[in-house]
Amino acid sequence: MAQALGPKLGVGSETLHRWVLQAQADARQRPGPTSGELAEIRRLKKETAELREANEILKAASVFLAREPGPRHR
């Protein structure tokens, strides 16, 4: 099916096959995450990466500031 329809739709057969599988998961006809769940996972992974980057920046800043003499030591 995908091999016959793919070229007519201008997509590869593997892409069409994955679309069909995802549509079935969205309809709960097969196990797996829905499109909404996959979007939420992507959003959470992006947020986690941003938070880790911010945490590394804060760690570096705290190390830098710990080495600086405080206002009492000037």
Protein backbone atom coordinates (compact mmCIF):
# COMPACT_ATOMS: atom_id res chain seq x y z
CA MET A 1 0.00 0.00 0.00
CA ALA A 2 2.62 2.55 1.08
CA GLN A 3 4.85 1.67 -1.88
CA ALA A 4 2.02 2.40 -4.33
CA LEU A 5 0.63 5.53 -2.65
CA GLY A 6 3.89 7.14 -1.56
CA PRO A 7 5.02 8.30 -5.01
CA LYS A 8 1.52 9.56 -5.84
CA LEU A 9 1.60 11.71 -2.69
CA GLY A 10 5.18 12.81 -3.23
CA VAL A 11 6.54 11.12 -0.11
CA GLY A 12 8.66 8.05 0.46
CA SER A 13 7.01 4.78 1.31
CA GLU A 14 8.73 4.66 4.71
CA THR A 15 7.43 8.13 5.58
CA LEU A 16 3.91 7.14 4.60
CA HIS A 17 4.23 3.93 6.62
CA ARG A 18 5.27 5.92 9.71
CA TRP A 19 2.33 8.29 9.21
CA VAL A 20 -0.07 5.35 9.11
CA LEU A 21 1.45 3.85 12.27
CA GLN A 22 1.20 7.21 14.04
CA ALA A 23 -2.42 7.64 12.95
CA GLN A 24 -3.17 4.20 14.37
CA ALA A 25 -1.46 5.12 17.66
CA ASP A 26 -3.43 8.38 17.77
CA ALA A 27 -6.65 6.40 17.28
CA ARG A 28 -5.48 3.95 20.01
CA GLN A 29 -5.62 1.11 17.49
CA ARG A 30 -2.02 0.21 18.27
CA PRO A 31 0.22 0.78 21.29
CA GLY A 32 2.51 3.75 21.40
CA PRO A 33 2.54 7.42 22.23
CA THR A 34 0.03 9.70 20.53
CA SER A 35 1.10 12.75 18.53
CA GLY A 36 0.13 14.93 21.48
CA GLU A 37 2.21 12.86 23.86
CA LEU A 38 5.19 12.99 21.48
CA ALA A 39 4.85 16.78 21.25
CA GLU A 40 4.79 17.01 25.05
CA ILE A 41 7.89 14.79 25.29
CA ARG A 42 9.72 17.04 22.79
CA ARG A 43 8.69 20.15 24.74
CA LEU A 44 9.83 18.65 28.04
CA LYS A 45 13.18 17.53 26.57
CA LYS A 46 13.78 21.05 25.25
CA GLU A 47 12.83 22.57 28.60
CA THR A 48 15.11 20.12 30.44
CA ALA A 49 18.03 21.02 28.17
CA GLU A 50 17.42 24.74 28.76
CA LEU A 51 17.23 24.23 32.53
CA ARG A 52 20.44 22.19 32.54
CA GLU A 53 22.20 24.93 30.58
CA ALA A 54 20.94 27.58 32.99
CA ASN A 55 22.04 25.43 35.92
CA GLU A 56 25.56 25.12 34.48
CA ILE A 57 25.73 28.90 34.01
CA LEU A 58 24.62 29.45 37.61
CA LYS A 59 27.19 26.94 38.88
CA ALA A 60 29.96 28.70 36.97
CA ALA A 61 28.79 32.09 38.25
CA SER A 62 28.74 30.86 41.85
CA VAL A 63 32.29 29.51 41.52
CA PHE A 64 33.43 32.82 40.04
CA LEU A 65 31.70 34.88 42.72
CA ALA A 66 33.05 32.66 45.50
CA ARG A 67 36.60 33.51 44.35
CA GLU A 68 35.94 37.26 44.33
CA PRO A 69 36.59 39.10 47.55
CA GLY A 70 33.40 40.27 49.20
CA PRO A 71 32.62 43.92 50.00
CA ARG A 72 33.99 43.42 53.54
CA HIS A 73 37.39 42.40 52.19
CA ARG A 74 38.03 45.42 49.96
